[in-house]
Protein backbone atom coordinates (compact mmCIF):
# COMPACT_ATOMS: atom_id res chain seq x y z
CA MET A 1 -152.83 -51.54 15.74
CA VAL A 2 -154.41 -53.93 18.13
CA TYR A 3 -153.20 -57.58 18.12
CA LYS A 4 -156.20 -59.56 17.98
CA PHE A 5 -156.80 -63.42 18.77
CA TYR A 6 -160.13 -64.86 19.23
CA PRO A 7 -159.97 -68.54 17.99
CA ASP A 8 -163.46 -69.88 16.89
CA HIS A 9 -163.19 -72.93 19.39
CA PHE A 10 -162.48 -70.84 22.27
CA ARG A 11 -165.22 -68.43 21.40
CA GLY A 12 -167.70 -71.33 21.11
CA LEU A 13 -166.60 -72.73 24.48
CA MET A 14 -167.15 -69.35 26.29
CA LYS A 15 -170.40 -69.10 24.83
CA LEU A 16 -171.41 -72.53 26.49
CA VAL A 17 -170.02 -71.43 29.79
CA ASN A 18 -172.84 -69.45 31.41
CA GLU A 19 -172.98 -67.80 34.79
CA ASN A 20 -172.41 -70.14 37.66
CA ARG A 21 -171.62 -72.98 35.43
CA GLY A 22 -168.54 -74.42 33.82
CA LYS A 23 -167.54 -76.90 31.21
CA VAL A 24 -165.25 -79.95 31.34
CA ILE A 25 -162.45 -79.51 28.98
CA ARG A 26 -159.92 -82.12 29.98
CA VAL A 27 -160.00 -85.46 32.12
CA PHE A 28 -156.88 -86.88 33.74
CA GLY A 29 -158.06 -89.97 35.53
CA ASP A 30 -159.92 -88.73 38.72
CA ILE A 31 -158.71 -85.09 37.98
CA ILE A 32 -160.56 -82.82 35.63
CA SER A 33 -160.07 -79.33 34.01
CA VAL A 34 -162.97 -77.03 33.87
CA ALA A 35 -163.40 -73.92 32.06
CA VAL A 36 -165.45 -71.06 33.62
CA ASP A 37 -166.04 -67.43 32.84
CA ASP A 38 -165.26 -64.34 34.89
CA GLU A 39 -168.62 -64.51 36.90
CA ALA A 40 -168.46 -68.17 37.57
CA LEU A 41 -164.82 -67.72 38.77
CA HIS A 42 -165.80 -65.66 41.80
CA ILE A 43 -168.12 -68.53 42.87
CA MET A 44 -166.18 -71.89 41.64
CA GLY A 45 -162.65 -70.61 41.60
CA ILE A 46 -162.06 -70.81 45.38
CA ARG A 47 -159.87 -73.70 46.47
CA GLY A 48 -161.96 -76.05 48.58
CA THR A 49 -165.36 -75.37 46.81
CA TYR A 50 -167.42 -78.39 46.02
CA VAL A 51 -168.89 -78.89 42.63
CA LYS A 52 -170.92 -81.45 40.74
CA VAL A 53 -170.31 -82.68 37.28
CA ARG A 54 -173.36 -83.73 35.33
CA THR A 55 -172.19 -86.54 33.12
CA ARG A 56 -173.81 -87.53 29.79
CA LYS A 57 -175.45 -90.59 31.40
CA GLY A 58 -177.04 -88.32 33.92
CA ARG A 59 -174.79 -89.35 36.81
CA ASP A 60 -173.83 -86.53 39.12
CA LEU A 61 -170.19 -86.66 40.39
CA LEU A 62 -168.76 -84.75 43.39
CA GLY A 63 -165.60 -82.84 43.02
CA ILE A 64 -163.44 -80.40 45.13
CA VAL A 65 -161.72 -77.31 43.38
CA SER A 66 -157.93 -78.04 44.22
CA ASN A 67 -156.43 -75.46 42.13
CA ILE A 68 -156.77 -72.58 39.53
CA SER A 69 -155.05 -71.69 36.24
CA LEU A 70 -155.46 -68.26 34.67
CA LEU A 71 -153.93 -67.49 31.42
CA ASP A 72 -154.07 -64.48 29.14
CA GLU A 73 -154.64 -65.61 25.48
CA LEU A 74 -153.61 -62.24 23.98
CA TYR A 75 -150.22 -62.32 25.87
CA ARG A 76 -149.80 -66.00 24.87
CA GLN A 77 -150.30 -65.42 21.26
CA SER A 78 -148.12 -62.22 21.26
CA SER A 79 -145.28 -64.52 22.49
CA GLY A 80 -145.00 -62.41 25.49
CA ARG A 81 -144.33 -59.21 23.42
CA ILE A 82 -146.79 -56.61 25.23
CA SER A 83 -145.85 -53.82 23.03
CA LEU A 84 -147.90 -55.56 19.96
CA ILE A 85 -151.04 -55.23 22.12
CA GLU A 86 -152.29 -51.86 21.87
CA SER A 87 -154.86 -50.69 24.93
CA TYR A 88 -153.96 -53.82 26.63
CA SER A 89 -155.72 -53.37 29.63
CA ASP A 90 -158.99 -52.77 28.02
CA ILE A 91 -158.89 -55.72 25.68
CA SER A 92 -157.32 -58.53 27.50
CA LEU A 93 -158.69 -61.81 27.22
CA THR A 94 -158.40 -64.34 30.11
CA ARG A 95 -158.79 -68.11 29.77
CA ASN A 96 -159.98 -69.34 33.18
CA GLU A 97 -159.50 -72.95 34.34
CA ILE A 98 -160.21 -74.72 37.60
CA ILE A 99 -158.61 -78.15 38.41
CA VAL A 100 -161.14 -80.25 40.19
CA SER A 101 -160.40 -83.62 42.09
CA LEU A 102 -163.23 -86.05 41.80
CA LEU A 103 -164.28 -87.44 45.21
CA GLY A 104 -167.35 -89.66 44.51
CA SER A 105 -170.81 -89.91 43.22
CA LEU A 106 -173.81 -87.95 44.47
CA THR A 107 -176.74 -89.81 45.68
CA MET A 108 -180.11 -88.88 47.32
CA SER A 109 -178.72 -89.58 50.72
CA GLY A 110 -175.31 -88.01 50.32
CA VAL A 111 -172.00 -89.27 48.89
CA ASP A 112 -170.89 -92.66 47.54
CA ARG A 113 -167.11 -92.57 47.43
CA ARG A 114 -167.17 -94.77 44.19
CA ILE A 115 -166.72 -92.95 41.02
CA ASP A 116 -169.34 -94.83 38.98
CA ALA A 117 -169.23 -92.73 35.75
CA ILE A 118 -166.70 -91.20 33.54
CA PRO A 119 -166.78 -87.59 32.82
CA SER A 120 -166.10 -86.36 29.29
CA PRO A 121 -165.12 -82.92 27.82
CA GLY A 122 -168.36 -80.85 27.42
CA ASP A 123 -170.09 -82.12 30.58
CA ASP A 124 -171.57 -79.32 32.66
CA VAL A 125 -170.07 -78.43 36.21
CA TYR A 126 -172.09 -76.57 38.97
CA PRO A 127 -171.16 -75.47 42.34
CA LEU A 128 -173.11 -77.26 45.10
CA ASP A 129 -175.90 -75.18 46.97
CA GLU A 130 -176.29 -74.78 50.68
CA ASP A 131 -178.79 -77.54 50.88
CA GLU A 132 -176.69 -80.04 48.95
CA LEU A 133 -173.73 -79.22 51.03
CA SER A 134 -175.76 -79.73 54.27
CA THR A 135 -177.01 -83.13 53.10
CA ILE A 136 -173.48 -84.20 52.75
CA PHE A 137 -171.72 -82.83 55.67
CA SER A 138 -174.46 -82.37 58.38
CA SER A 139 -175.73 -85.72 58.88
CA GLY A 140 -173.05 -86.88 61.56
CA ASP A 141 -173.34 -87.21 65.32
CA ILE A 142 -171.10 -84.43 66.56
CA ARG A 143 -170.21 -80.89 65.20
CA ILE A 144 -166.62 -79.88 64.82
CA GLY A 145 -167.33 -76.72 62.96
CA SER A 146 -168.46 -75.23 59.47
CA LEU A 147 -167.26 -75.44 55.98
CA THR A 148 -164.54 -72.48 55.36
CA THR A 149 -166.23 -71.85 51.88
CA ASN A 150 -169.55 -71.82 53.33
CA GLY A 151 -170.08 -70.98 57.16
CA SER A 152 -173.66 -71.80 57.18
CA VAL A 153 -172.98 -75.52 56.56
CA GLU A 154 -172.09 -77.26 59.65
CA VAL A 155 -169.55 -80.33 59.53
CA ARG A 156 -170.43 -83.17 61.91
CA LEU A 157 -168.43 -86.37 62.46
CA ASP A 158 -169.64 -89.90 62.62
CA ILE A 159 -169.03 -91.04 66.03
CA ASN A 160 -168.79 -94.80 65.18
CA GLU A 161 -166.23 -94.11 62.34
CA LEU A 162 -164.27 -91.87 64.52
CA ALA A 163 -163.86 -94.19 67.43
CA THR A 164 -163.74 -97.55 65.74
CA LYS A 165 -161.13 -96.43 63.10
CA HIS A 166 -159.32 -94.08 65.38
CA GLY A 167 -158.34 -90.52 64.83
CA ALA A 168 -155.50 -88.03 65.00
CA ILE A 169 -155.29 -84.29 65.50
CA LEU A 170 -152.18 -82.92 64.27
CA ALA A 171 -150.89 -79.19 64.09
CA MET A 172 -148.01 -76.93 64.62
CA THR A 173 -147.79 -75.36 68.11
CA GLY A 174 -150.72 -72.73 68.62
CA ALA A 175 -152.62 -73.74 65.54
CA GLY A 176 -155.70 -74.94 67.85
CA LYS A 177 -155.29 -78.73 68.41
CA SER A 178 -156.14 -78.32 72.15
CA ASN A 179 -159.41 -76.26 71.04
CA ALA A 180 -160.38 -79.07 68.57
CA LEU A 181 -160.12 -81.75 71.05
CA GLY A 182 -161.98 -79.60 73.65
CA VAL A 183 -164.89 -78.91 71.01
CA LEU A 184 -165.13 -82.83 70.08
CA VAL A 185 -165.13 -83.75 73.92
CA VAL A 186 -167.81 -81.14 74.76
CA GLN A 187 -170.00 -82.39 71.90
CA MET A 188 -169.62 -86.04 72.83
CA LEU A 189 -170.69 -85.14 76.43
CA LYS A 190 -173.63 -83.13 75.21
CA LYS A 191 -174.82 -85.72 72.65
CA PHE A 192 -174.42 -88.94 74.78
CA ASP A 193 -175.51 -89.42 78.20
CA HIS A 194 -173.26 -92.46 78.61
CA SER A 195 -170.24 -91.51 76.85
CA ARG A 196 -166.95 -92.90 78.18
CA ILE A 197 -163.87 -90.66 77.57
CA LEU A 198 -160.40 -91.29 79.15
CA LEU A 199 -158.35 -88.03 78.33
CA ILE A 200 -154.62 -88.30 79.21
CA ASP A 201 -154.07 -84.52 80.07
CA THR A 202 -150.22 -84.32 79.66
CA HIS A 203 -150.20 -80.67 80.80
CA SER A 204 -153.37 -80.37 82.75
CA GLU A 205 -155.04 -77.99 79.94
CA TYR A 206 -158.64 -79.76 80.36
CA VAL A 207 -159.14 -79.92 84.12
CA VAL A 208 -161.31 -76.71 83.90
CA LEU A 209 -164.04 -78.90 82.53
CA GLY A 210 -164.14 -80.52 86.09
CA SER A 211 -164.40 -77.13 87.96
CA ASP A 212 -167.07 -75.54 89.77
CA LYS A 213 -168.00 -73.25 86.97
CA SER A 214 -168.26 -76.04 84.35
CA PRO A 215 -171.45 -76.98 82.97
CA MET A 216 -170.16 -80.42 82.64
CA LYS A 217 -168.99 -80.94 86.09
CA ASP A 218 -171.30 -83.65 86.82
CA LYS A 219 -170.11 -85.65 83.84
CA THR A 220 -166.42 -84.91 84.55
CA THR A 221 -163.79 -86.56 87.16
CA VAL A 222 -160.48 -85.26 87.34
CA TYR A 223 -157.80 -87.65 88.61
CA ALA A 224 -154.65 -86.33 90.14
CA PRO A 225 -151.72 -87.86 91.77
CA THR A 226 -151.44 -86.79 95.42
CA GLY A 227 -149.18 -84.23 96.35
CA LYS A 228 -148.59 -80.59 95.44
CA PHE A 229 -150.11 -80.74 91.84
CA LYS A 230 -153.23 -82.05 93.27
CA GLN A 231 -153.46 -79.45 95.85
CA ILE A 232 -152.82 -76.64 93.29
CA LEU A 233 -155.81 -77.92 91.20
CA GLU A 234 -158.04 -78.02 94.46
CA ASN A 235 -157.08 -74.32 95.26
CA GLU A 236 -158.34 -73.51 91.80
CA SER A 237 -161.78 -75.14 92.76
CA ILE A 238 -161.18 -78.12 90.66
CA GLU A 239 -162.50 -81.06 92.73
CA THR A 240 -159.97 -84.21 92.27
CA VAL A 241 -159.89 -87.86 93.12
CA SER A 242 -156.59 -89.25 94.12
CA LEU A 243 -154.92 -91.20 91.24
CA GLU A 244 -153.12 -94.28 92.61
CA ILE A 245 -150.83 -96.51 90.71
CA PRO A 246 -149.56 -99.34 93.08
CA TYR A 247 -145.99 -100.12 92.52
CA TRP A 248 -146.55 -103.87 92.31
CA MET A 249 -148.96 -103.38 89.39
CA LEU A 250 -146.16 -102.12 87.32
CA THR A 251 -144.53 -104.18 84.46
CA LEU A 252 -140.71 -104.50 84.05
CA GLU A 253 -140.83 -101.85 81.25
CA GLU A 254 -142.67 -99.26 83.48
CA TRP A 255 -140.24 -99.89 86.15
CA TYR A 256 -137.29 -99.04 83.74
CA SER A 257 -139.15 -96.05 82.66
CA LEU A 258 -139.74 -94.85 86.31
CA LEU A 259 -136.14 -95.31 87.31
CA GLY A 260 -134.83 -93.69 84.05
CA LEU A 261 -133.17 -96.94 82.93
CA SER A 262 -132.63 -96.59 79.17
CA PRO A 263 -132.07 -99.27 76.83
CA ILE A 264 -128.40 -98.77 76.84
CA ALA A 265 -128.17 -99.20 80.68
CA THR A 266 -127.96 -103.17 80.19
CA ARG A 267 -126.25 -103.98 83.48
CA GLN A 268 -128.43 -102.07 85.73
CA ARG A 269 -131.59 -103.28 83.77
CA ARG A 270 -130.38 -106.96 84.35
CA ILE A 271 -129.71 -106.38 88.10
CA PHE A 272 -133.09 -104.80 88.54
CA ARG A 273 -134.80 -107.55 86.52
CA GLU A 274 -133.25 -110.25 88.67
CA ALA A 275 -134.08 -108.17 91.94
CA LEU A 276 -137.85 -108.01 90.71
CA ARG A 277 -137.80 -111.61 89.99
CA SER A 278 -136.77 -112.47 93.39
CA VAL A 279 -139.58 -110.65 95.07
CA LYS A 280 -142.48 -111.38 92.69
CA GLY A 281 -141.62 -114.88 91.66
CA GLU A 282 -139.68 -116.31 88.47
CA ARG A 283 -142.90 -116.19 86.23
CA ASN A 284 -144.70 -113.16 87.65
CA ILE A 285 -142.42 -110.34 86.84
CA ASN A 286 -145.20 -108.54 84.91
CA ASN A 287 -147.98 -109.90 86.89
CA PRO A 288 -149.81 -107.52 89.65
CA ILE A 289 -148.23 -109.59 92.65
CA TYR A 290 -147.86 -107.48 95.77
CA PHE A 291 -144.53 -107.31 97.47
CA ASP A 292 -142.96 -105.32 100.13
CA LEU A 293 -140.55 -102.59 98.91
CA ASP A 294 -138.13 -103.23 101.78
CA ASP A 295 -137.37 -106.66 100.14
CA LEU A 296 -136.90 -105.25 96.62
CA TYR A 297 -134.49 -102.51 98.31
CA THR A 298 -132.49 -105.35 100.03
CA GLU A 299 -132.19 -107.35 96.68
CA ILE A 300 -130.85 -104.32 94.84
CA LYS A 301 -128.47 -103.39 97.55
CA ALA A 302 -127.00 -106.94 97.66
CA ALA A 303 -126.08 -106.59 94.01
CA LYS A 304 -123.63 -103.71 95.02
CA ASN A 305 -124.31 -101.51 92.20
CA ASP A 306 -124.13 -98.00 93.71
CA GLU A 307 -125.58 -96.25 90.50
CA LEU A 308 -128.70 -98.28 90.51
CA LEU A 309 -129.09 -98.01 94.23
CA GLU A 310 -128.95 -94.39 94.06
CA LYS A 311 -131.53 -94.13 91.26
CA PHE A 312 -133.76 -96.46 93.33
CA GLU A 313 -133.44 -94.36 96.34
CA ASP A 314 -134.04 -91.02 94.63
CA ALA A 315 -137.20 -92.46 93.16
CA LEU A 316 -138.31 -93.54 96.65
CA ASN A 317 -137.95 -90.10 98.15
CA THR A 318 -139.37 -88.08 95.10
CA GLU A 319 -142.79 -86.51 96.11
CA GLU A 320 -144.19 -86.80 92.64
CA TYR A 321 -143.69 -90.77 93.09
CA GLU A 322 -145.76 -90.94 96.24
CA PHE A 323 -149.00 -91.99 94.53
CA ILE A 324 -147.06 -95.16 93.08
CA PHE A 325 -144.60 -95.91 96.13
CA TYR A 326 -147.14 -94.77 98.79
CA PRO A 327 -150.74 -95.16 97.47
CA LYS A 328 -152.44 -94.52 100.78
CA GLU A 329 -155.93 -95.90 100.04
CA THR A 330 -154.50 -99.03 98.46
CA LEU A 331 -152.11 -99.87 101.07
CA ARG A 332 -154.60 -99.36 103.84
CA VAL A 333 -156.49 -102.19 102.29
CA ILE A 334 -153.63 -104.39 101.73
CA GLU A 335 -152.57 -103.90 105.34
CA ASP A 336 -156.19 -104.65 106.69
CA THR A 337 -156.01 -107.98 108.55
CA GLY A 338 -159.66 -108.31 108.48
CA ILE A 339 -160.00 -108.62 104.80
CA SER A 340 -159.17 -111.59 102.85
CA TRP A 341 -156.43 -111.61 100.24
CA GLU A 342 -158.78 -112.34 97.39
CA ARG A 343 -160.96 -109.45 98.37
CA LYS A 344 -158.10 -107.12 98.87
CA ILE A 345 -156.77 -107.94 95.24
CA ARG A 346 -160.33 -107.37 93.80
CA TRP A 347 -160.48 -104.01 95.76
CA VAL A 348 -157.18 -102.93 94.18
CA PHE A 349 -158.22 -103.95 90.79
CA GLU A 350 -161.59 -102.00 91.06
CA LYS A 351 -159.80 -98.90 92.43
CA ILE A 352 -157.35 -98.77 89.45
CA SER A 353 -160.16 -99.51 87.06
CA GLU A 354 -162.48 -96.78 88.28
CA PRO A 355 -161.27 -94.12 85.81
CA ILE A 356 -161.51 -96.55 83.05
CA VAL A 357 -165.06 -97.93 83.24
CA ARG A 358 -167.15 -95.01 84.70
CA ASP A 359 -169.31 -93.10 82.37
CA GLY A 360 -168.46 -89.47 81.30
CA LEU A 361 -165.12 -87.75 80.96
CA LYS A 362 -162.35 -89.00 83.09
CA ILE A 363 -159.26 -86.56 83.05
CA ILE A 364 -155.83 -87.93 84.13
CA ALA A 365 -154.12 -84.73 85.03
CA LEU A 366 -150.58 -85.43 84.75
CA GLY A 367 -149.13 -81.78 84.51
CA GLY A 368 -146.09 -81.15 86.44
CA LEU A 369 -144.85 -85.05 86.31
CA SER A 370 -141.69 -85.82 84.36
CA ALA A 371 -141.99 -87.76 81.03
CA ASP A 372 -140.83 -90.95 82.67
CA VAL A 373 -143.47 -91.02 85.29
CA GLN A 374 -146.05 -90.02 82.89
CA ASN A 375 -145.01 -92.88 80.73
CA SER A 376 -145.38 -95.51 83.32
CA VAL A 377 -148.71 -94.06 84.61
CA VAL A 378 -150.34 -94.16 81.06
CA SER A 379 -148.70 -97.51 80.29
CA MET A 380 -150.42 -99.05 83.29
CA LEU A 381 -153.58 -97.35 82.78
CA LEU A 382 -153.97 -98.30 79.12
CA ARG A 383 -152.83 -101.91 79.88
CA THR A 384 -155.59 -102.19 82.42
CA MET A 385 -158.11 -100.84 80.11
CA PHE A 386 -157.12 -103.03 77.37
CA ARG A 387 -157.49 -105.97 79.52
CA ILE A 388 -160.98 -105.01 80.66
CA ALA A 389 -162.02 -104.22 77.15
CA VAL A 390 -160.90 -107.65 75.98
CA GLU A 391 -162.81 -109.49 78.96
CA SER A 392 -166.00 -107.64 78.47
CA LYS A 393 -166.10 -108.38 74.74
CA LEU A 394 -165.57 -111.95 75.08
CA SER A 395 -168.24 -112.13 77.82
CA GLY A 396 -170.67 -110.61 75.44
CA HIS A 397 -170.95 -107.16 77.39
CA PRO A 398 -168.59 -104.65 75.76
CA ILE A 399 -167.55 -101.64 77.50
CA PRO A 400 -166.61 -99.20 74.58
CA ALA A 401 -164.49 -96.23 75.53
CA LEU A 402 -162.56 -93.46 73.75
CA ILE A 403 -159.06 -92.85 74.70
CA ALA A 404 -157.81 -89.24 73.89
CA VAL A 405 -153.79 -88.77 74.38
CA GLU A 406 -152.59 -85.33 74.46
CA GLU A 407 -148.81 -84.99 73.40
CA ALA A 408 -148.99 -88.40 71.92
CA HIS A 409 -145.56 -88.26 70.75
CA ILE A 410 -144.42 -88.72 74.34
CA TYR A 411 -145.94 -91.94 74.71
CA ALA A 412 -145.54 -93.31 71.37
CA PRO A 413 -142.42 -91.82 70.01
CA LYS A 414 -141.29 -92.73 66.45
CA ASP A 415 -137.68 -93.96 66.89
CA SER A 416 -136.98 -93.94 70.74
CA TYR A 417 -137.91 -96.05 73.75
CA ALA A 418 -141.18 -95.08 76.00
CA ALA A 419 -142.79 -97.48 78.27
CA ALA A 420 -146.29 -96.79 77.11
CA LYS A 421 -145.27 -97.10 73.34
CA GLN A 422 -146.21 -100.88 73.11
CA ILE A 423 -149.52 -100.54 74.64
CA VAL A 424 -150.55 -97.42 72.64
CA GLU A 425 -149.50 -99.17 69.37
CA ARG A 426 -151.24 -102.38 70.31
CA ILE A 427 -154.59 -100.45 71.08
CA ALA A 428 -154.25 -98.70 67.75
CA LYS A 429 -154.01 -102.18 65.97
CA GLU A 430 -156.34 -104.10 67.87
CA GLY A 431 -158.36 -101.84 70.05
CA ARG A 432 -161.31 -101.47 67.53
CA LYS A 433 -162.01 -105.30 67.79
CA PHE A 434 -162.64 -104.71 71.69
CA GLY A 435 -164.64 -101.33 71.61
CA ILE A 436 -161.55 -99.05 72.36
CA GLY A 437 -161.18 -96.03 70.20
CA LEU A 438 -157.94 -93.98 70.22
CA LEU A 439 -157.48 -89.97 69.57
CA LEU A 440 -154.00 -89.17 69.16
CA VAL A 441 -153.16 -85.44 69.43
CA SER A 442 -149.71 -84.11 68.65
CA GLN A 443 -147.77 -81.16 67.45
CA ARG A 444 -144.85 -83.13 66.25
CA PRO A 445 -146.31 -85.62 63.66
CA ARG A 446 -142.72 -86.37 62.56
CA GLU A 447 -141.76 -87.77 65.99
CA LEU A 448 -145.02 -89.83 66.40
CA SER A 449 -144.98 -93.69 65.82
CA GLU A 450 -146.02 -94.44 62.33
CA THR A 451 -147.37 -97.67 63.49
CA ALA A 452 -149.83 -95.84 65.66
CA LEU A 453 -150.62 -93.02 63.07
CA ALA A 454 -150.99 -95.34 60.35
CA GLN A 455 -153.99 -96.80 62.17
CA CYS A 456 -155.89 -93.52 62.38
CA GLY A 457 -158.52 -93.36 59.87
CA THR A 458 -159.64 -89.76 60.73
CA LEU A 459 -157.32 -87.12 60.16
CA ILE A 460 -157.97 -83.57 61.56
CA ALA A 461 -154.87 -81.64 60.35
CA LEU A 462 -154.64 -78.03 61.40
CA LYS A 463 -151.89 -75.66 60.13
CA THR A 464 -148.58 -77.42 59.53
CA VAL A 465 -145.71 -75.66 58.13
CA ASN A 466 -142.76 -78.05 58.77
CA PRO A 467 -142.25 -80.10 55.52
CA SER A 468 -141.14 -83.37 57.50
CA ASP A 469 -144.49 -83.12 59.40
CA GLN A 470 -146.37 -82.70 55.98
CA ARG A 471 -144.64 -85.68 54.49
CA HIS A 472 -145.30 -87.73 57.57
CA ILE A 473 -149.01 -86.94 57.56
CA GLN A 474 -149.26 -87.82 53.81
CA ASN A 475 -147.17 -90.93 54.05
CA SER A 476 -149.04 -92.19 57.07
CA LEU A 477 -152.65 -91.75 56.01
CA GLU A 478 -154.22 -93.31 52.99
CA ASP A 479 -157.00 -90.74 52.53
CA VAL A 480 -154.91 -87.49 52.17
CA THR A 481 -155.11 -86.19 48.67
CA SER A 482 -152.17 -83.81 47.17
CA MET A 483 -154.77 -80.96 47.58
CA ILE A 484 -154.77 -81.66 51.61
CA THR A 485 -151.34 -81.85 51.97
CA SER A 486 -150.47 -78.66 49.89
CA SER A 487 -152.96 -76.79 51.81
CA LEU A 488 -151.66 -77.37 55.29
CA PRO A 489 -149.11 -74.32 55.31
CA GLY A 490 -151.95 -72.04 54.17
CA LEU A 491 -154.57 -72.86 56.70
CA GLY A 492 -155.54 -69.95 59.09
CA LYS A 493 -155.65 -70.34 62.95
CA GLY A 494 -158.48 -72.77 63.90
CA GLU A 495 -158.95 -74.14 60.16
CA ALA A 496 -158.43 -77.80 59.68
CA ILE A 497 -158.54 -80.30 56.99
CA VAL A 498 -160.90 -83.07 57.98
CA SER A 499 -160.23 -86.54 55.99
CA GLY A 500 -161.22 -90.09 56.80
CA PRO A 501 -164.29 -92.25 57.29
CA SER A 502 -165.87 -89.99 59.87
CA VAL A 503 -166.62 -87.53 57.18
CA PRO A 504 -168.22 -88.36 53.70
CA VAL A 505 -165.58 -86.68 51.92
CA PRO A 506 -162.48 -84.62 52.83
CA CYS A 507 -163.08 -81.07 53.60
CA VAL A 508 -161.66 -77.78 54.82
CA VAL A 509 -163.38 -76.88 58.39
CA LYS A 510 -163.41 -73.80 60.51
CA VAL A 511 -163.14 -75.47 63.95
CA ASP A 512 -165.52 -74.01 66.47
CA PHE A 513 -164.19 -72.11 69.35
CA PHE A 514 -164.35 -73.95 72.57
CA ASP A 515 -165.60 -71.03 74.43
CA GLU A 516 -168.46 -70.30 71.84
CA THR A 517 -169.24 -74.01 71.86
CA ILE A 518 -169.85 -73.88 75.61
CA GLU A 519 -172.12 -70.83 75.43
CA ARG A 520 -174.05 -72.26 72.45
CA GLU A 521 -174.51 -75.72 74.02
CA PHE A 522 -174.83 -74.86 77.66
CA ASN A 523 -175.65 -70.96 77.72
CA SER A 524 -172.55 -70.70 79.89
CA ARG A 525 -168.94 -69.47 79.81
CA LEU A 526 -165.83 -71.38 80.27
CA GLY A 527 -162.34 -70.98 78.99
CA LEU A 528 -159.92 -73.69 78.05
CA GLY A 529 -156.61 -73.91 79.85
CA GLY A 530 -153.33 -74.06 77.78
CA LYS A 531 -153.83 -70.61 76.02
CA ASP A 532 -150.80 -68.60 74.95
CA ILE A 533 -149.78 -65.93 77.47
CA ASP A 534 -150.55 -62.46 76.23
CA PHE A 535 -147.34 -60.80 76.46
CA ARG A 536 -148.52 -57.60 75.33
CA GLU A 537 -151.20 -57.41 78.00
CA GLU A 538 -148.93 -58.76 80.66
CA TRP A 539 -145.86 -56.66 80.01
CA ARG A 540 -148.14 -53.44 80.50
CA ASP A 541 -148.91 -54.05 84.09
CA GLY A 542 -146.27 -54.46 86.93
CA LEU A 543 -145.74 -57.68 88.69
CA ASP A 544 -148.06 -58.10 91.69
CA ARG A 545 -145.73 -58.71 94.63
CA GLU A 546 -148.66 -60.28 96.72
CA VAL A 547 -149.19 -62.85 94.07
CA LEU A 548 -145.55 -63.63 93.86
CA SER A 549 -145.22 -64.04 97.55
CA GLU A 550 -148.11 -66.47 97.43
CA ILE A 551 -146.08 -68.24 94.80
CA PHE A 552 -143.02 -68.47 96.94
CA ASP A 553 -144.82 -69.51 99.94
CA ARG A 554 -146.29 -72.38 98.19
CA LEU A 555 -143.21 -73.78 96.86
CA TYR A 556 -141.26 -73.09 100.06
CA SER A 557 -143.97 -74.91 102.12
CA PHE A 558 -143.85 -77.99 99.97
CA GLU A 559 -140.02 -78.12 99.69
CA SER A 560 -139.53 -77.51 103.33
CA LYS A 561 -142.05 -80.16 104.19
CA GLU A 562 -140.21 -82.54 101.88
CA SER A 563 -136.98 -81.90 103.15
CA GLU A 564 -138.02 -82.26 106.80
CA LYS A 565 -139.48 -85.61 105.91
CA ARG A 566 -136.35 -86.86 104.35
CA LYS A 567 -134.26 -85.66 106.96
CA THR A 568 -136.22 -86.97 110.09
CA LYS A 569 -138.48 -89.66 108.53
CA GLY A 570 -136.02 -91.07 106.11
CA SER A 571 -136.17 -94.82 106.87
CA LEU A 572 -137.71 -97.10 104.19
CA GLU A 573 -139.86 -98.66 106.90
CA TYR A 574 -141.35 -95.28 107.87
CA PHE A 575 -142.00 -94.40 104.31
CA PHE A 576 -143.52 -97.59 103.12
CA LYS A 577 -145.56 -98.40 106.18
CA GLY A 578 -147.36 -95.05 106.44
CA GLY A 579 -145.74 -93.06 109.33
CA ASP A 580 -147.99 -90.22 110.36
CA GLU A 581 -150.87 -90.19 107.78
CA ASN A 582 -151.24 -86.50 108.15
CA GLU A 583 -147.77 -85.85 107.02
CA ILE A 584 -147.88 -88.03 103.88
CA GLY A 585 -149.17 -86.53 100.56
C-alpha cells in the first residue's frame, strides 16, 4: 500500500505556481518565503538570484535569494518511516521554498533602497530578466566584473560613491584582492583622463603598469627610493622617479618608527624628543624646519644613552634610508647659496608634493623596505596630501584624489602602534570633506583598524574563511547582510561580494581578470605582479646557474659597495654633505 498525502491547501498552492514564477507564502519583516515548483526551482533556486515581488498594490519589490529549503512531504507525514511508502522514488512529493531578502523597490531608473510596500502571502514572485538586471547594475562608471548568476550582466561602480564614501577590498591570501584593485585602477585610468590615484604599493606588485610594455605607461609614474630596489626596477625596464623624503620633514612619531622606538621605550623616546627640540626649536618639533643631522647626532650623543645612539647610527648607515637621510636633489637645493631660503623651502615642498598633485597613477614602490620605513614614508606622504587637500578645498579649487593602500593593516593596525595609523584614520574620517577618497586593501581584516574600516562604505569582499575575519567585516560595515557574511567561505577564486553605496544593491560578482581587462580595453597584454609561484612548473626544470650567478653578483656588488663606503667614508660629515656623488645611491 502506498502512503498518500496530498492536502488540499498544498495542491491549490502548487497549481498557482507556474513555470518561472513563485508565490509568497510567509513574510518575516524584510525576509519572505516563496514557494516554487521544480521547473522554477532551477531558475530561482540559486543563491544570489534577483527576483521581483509584485505586491497587491502594483508595486514591484526587489529581492535576492539568500537560501533554499526543500522538504519531502510524504517523508514528513510518514514520521520518517520510509517503509510505509511504497515505490517511494516514483511518488515522492517535494515542497520547494526559497528564502528571499528584500533589498528595495524597483523603479523605472533602477532601485530605490526603501521598501515602500508590504508583500503578502499569495503575491507573485518572478526572476529578473537580463534587461532588468542591466538597468540596475550597469549604470555606474567603472566595470569591476559581471554577476555570477548571469555573466552577461556587467557590474559597474559609481566612482563618486566609491571615492567619497571610501572602500575596502578584503580577502584571504590568494583570493584575488590585488587583481581586483588592478582592475579598478585600469578602469579609472581608461575612463577619466585626469584621474588622480596614489597607490601605496607595499610589495611593488603594480609597478608593471609603468613598464615599457604597459599601455598605460604615459599615465603612470613609479616613485622608488634611491638604491638597489630602484635599480632592480629599472633593470626590468620600469622607469622610475627618485622618491625623496627629507628627514627634517618627519614628525616625531615618524622618527620613532624610523628608529624602531616602540611606545615602551619611554626613556629613549624622551631623550630623542628633547634632542629634536634642541635642533628644531621648542615649538617646531613636528614642523618642516631644516636642521643639520650632525647637530642632532651631537645632542643624542650628549645624552649618553648608548642604545639610542647605536640605533641612530645604524639608521644613518643603512642603505635603504638614504632617500630620507641623504635626499640628493633636495640637499643640493638646500646647499645652493644662490637661492633664497624661501625659494628653497617652496621647492622642497613642491618636490614632496609631486606624486600627490600630478594627474594619473602614481605608484609609491616600497617593496623591499622594512615596515618601519614604509610607515614613516606613508605617514609623511599622506600628511602632506591631506594638508594640500584642505588648503585647495578652502581656496575653492579642490584637488580630488583617491588613495589606494595595499596591505593596509601594516599602516593602520587594530591594536598596535604604527606611525601612519593616525593619518590613515583621520583621512578615513575627514577625507571626504576635502576630496580625498580612501581604498584600503588587506588580507587580514581582523588586524585592520576598526576606526578606518568602519568608514569604508563600499565593501569588496572576496573569499574569506577565517571566522574572526568574517565577524570583523560584518561588525565594521552597516550594509552587510547575513546572506553576504555566510557566503564568504563559499566564494570561488575571483568572486566577490560587493556591497555599499557604489552599487545599487549588494551583489555577488565574478571580478574581471586583470590580464583580460588590459586586452579588452587596450588590445594589449600585460600581467600583474604578485602572482603565486607555480611550484609544479618551476620544480620540473632545473635551476639556471647563470641566473643564480647574476643574482649573487647583484647582491654582492651592492653589499661590497655599502661595506666599503662604511669603512672608508664613515664620517657623518661625508655622509650628510654628499661626498662623491657618484658613490651615493
